[in-house]
Amino acid sequence: EELHKAGYVLKQREGQASGSWVLLDFGDIIVHVFDRENRLFYDLERIWKDGKIINSEEL
């Protein structure tokens, strides 16, 4: 909803059927939504530890 308000359009959505990991592709922004088990397993925070965190207010 916040990305839509900021003018971003959802281009692709994957994984919704399983519900354990949903990927939302907004072009320049990719959103990953995990259940707890998969979030711990994939540990994207470790992989992207040097990435910049952007709050929706900054969009």
C-alpha atoms as a PDB file:
ATOM      1  CA  GLU A   1       0.000   0.000   0.000  1.00  0.00           C
ATOM      2  CA  GLU A   2       2.800   2.443   0.908  1.00  0.00           C
ATOM      3  CA  LEU A   3       4.702   1.658  -2.287  1.00  0.00           C
ATOM      4  CA  HIS A   4       1.532   2.135  -4.327  1.00  0.00           C
ATOM      5  CA  LYS A   5       0.984   5.540  -2.677  1.00  0.00           C
ATOM      6  CA  ALA A   6       4.568   6.457  -3.607  1.00  0.00           C
ATOM      7  CA  GLY A   7       3.854   5.665  -7.261  1.00  0.00           C
ATOM      8  CA  TYR A   8       5.376   2.191  -7.507  1.00  0.00           C
ATOM      9  CA  VAL A   9       3.503  -0.433  -9.537  1.00  0.00           C
ATOM     10  CA  LEU A  10       3.547  -4.138  -8.653  1.00  0.00           C
ATOM     11  CA  LYS A  11       5.092  -5.873 -11.672  1.00  0.00           C
ATOM     12  CA  GLN A  12       5.221  -9.478 -10.431  1.00  0.00           C
ATOM     13  CA  ARG A  13       4.102 -11.509  -7.424  1.00  0.00           C
ATOM     14  CA  GLU A  14       5.439 -15.003  -6.696  1.00  0.00           C
ATOM     15  CA  GLY A  15       4.985 -17.608  -3.993  1.00  0.00           C
ATOM     16  CA  GLN A  16       1.552 -16.593  -2.794  1.00  0.00           C
ATOM     17  CA  ALA A  17       0.144 -20.135  -3.158  1.00  0.00           C
ATOM     18  CA  SER A  18       2.544 -21.611  -0.597  1.00  0.00           C
ATOM     19  CA  GLY A  19       2.477 -18.572   1.676  1.00  0.00           C
ATOM     20  CA  SER A  20       5.828 -19.408   3.255  1.00  0.00           C
ATOM     21  CA  TRP A  21       7.746 -16.931   1.080  1.00  0.00           C
ATOM     22  CA  VAL A  22       6.099 -14.252  -1.055  1.00  0.00           C
ATOM     23  CA  LEU A  23       8.127 -12.049  -3.381  1.00  0.00           C
ATOM     24  CA  LEU A  24       6.728  -8.722  -4.585  1.00  0.00           C
ATOM     25  CA  ASP A  25       8.577  -7.111  -7.504  1.00  0.00           C
ATOM     26  CA  PHE A  26       8.098  -3.355  -7.847  1.00  0.00           C
ATOM     27  CA  GLY A  27      10.924  -2.919 -10.363  1.00  0.00           C
ATOM     28  CA  ASP A  28      13.490  -0.942  -8.364  1.00  0.00           C
ATOM     29  CA  ILE A  29      12.213  -2.406  -5.093  1.00  0.00           C
ATOM     30  CA  ILE A  30      11.835  -6.099  -4.225  1.00  0.00           C
ATOM     31  CA  VAL A  31       9.866  -7.056  -1.108  1.00  0.00           C
ATOM     32  CA  HIS A  32      10.322 -10.466   0.521  1.00  0.00           C
ATOM     33  CA  VAL A  33       7.670 -11.666   2.986  1.00  0.00           C
ATOM     34  CA  PHE A  34       8.589 -14.838   4.896  1.00  0.00           C
ATOM     35  CA  ASP A  35       7.047 -16.991   7.541  1.00  0.00           C
ATOM     36  CA  ARG A  36       9.259 -17.241  10.634  1.00  0.00           C
ATOM     37  CA  GLU A  37      10.863 -20.586   9.698  1.00  0.00           C
ATOM     38  CA  ASN A  38      11.957 -19.484   6.225  1.00  0.00           C
ATOM     39  CA  ARG A  39      13.120 -16.087   7.436  1.00  0.00           C
ATOM     40  CA  LEU A  40      15.490 -17.782   9.871  1.00  0.00           C
ATOM     41  CA  PHE A  41      16.625 -20.308   7.245  1.00  0.00           C
ATOM     42  CA  TYR A  42      17.430 -17.838   4.440  1.00  0.00           C
ATOM     43  CA  ASP A  43      18.743 -15.097   6.775  1.00  0.00           C
ATOM     44  CA  LEU A  44      18.598 -12.305   4.190  1.00  0.00           C
ATOM     45  CA  GLU A  45      19.629  -9.798   6.843  1.00  0.00           C
ATOM     46  CA  ARG A  46      23.052 -11.478   6.935  1.00  0.00           C
ATOM     47  CA  ILE A  47      23.372 -11.562   3.146  1.00  0.00           C
ATOM     48  CA  TRP A  48      22.329  -7.905   2.757  1.00  0.00           C
ATOM     49  CA  LYS A  49      23.919  -6.610   5.985  1.00  0.00           C
ATOM     50  CA  ASP A  50      25.668  -3.807   4.082  1.00  0.00           C
ATOM     51  CA  GLY A  51      22.477  -2.737   2.291  1.00  0.00           C
ATOM     52  CA  LYS A  52      20.743   0.530   3.059  1.00  0.00           C
ATOM     53  CA  ILE A  53      17.466   0.328   4.983  1.00  0.00           C
ATOM     54  CA  ILE A  54      14.871   2.712   3.582  1.00  0.00           C
ATOM     55  CA  ASN A  55      11.681   3.572   5.436  1.00  0.00           C
ATOM     56  CA  SER A  56       8.494   4.124   3.454  1.00  0.00           C
ATOM     57  CA  GLU A  57       8.558   7.824   4.419  1.00  0.00           C
ATOM     58  CA  GLU A  58      11.743   8.201   2.335  1.00  0.00           C
ATOM     59  CA  LEU A  59      10.105   7.004  -0.907  1.00  0.00           C
END
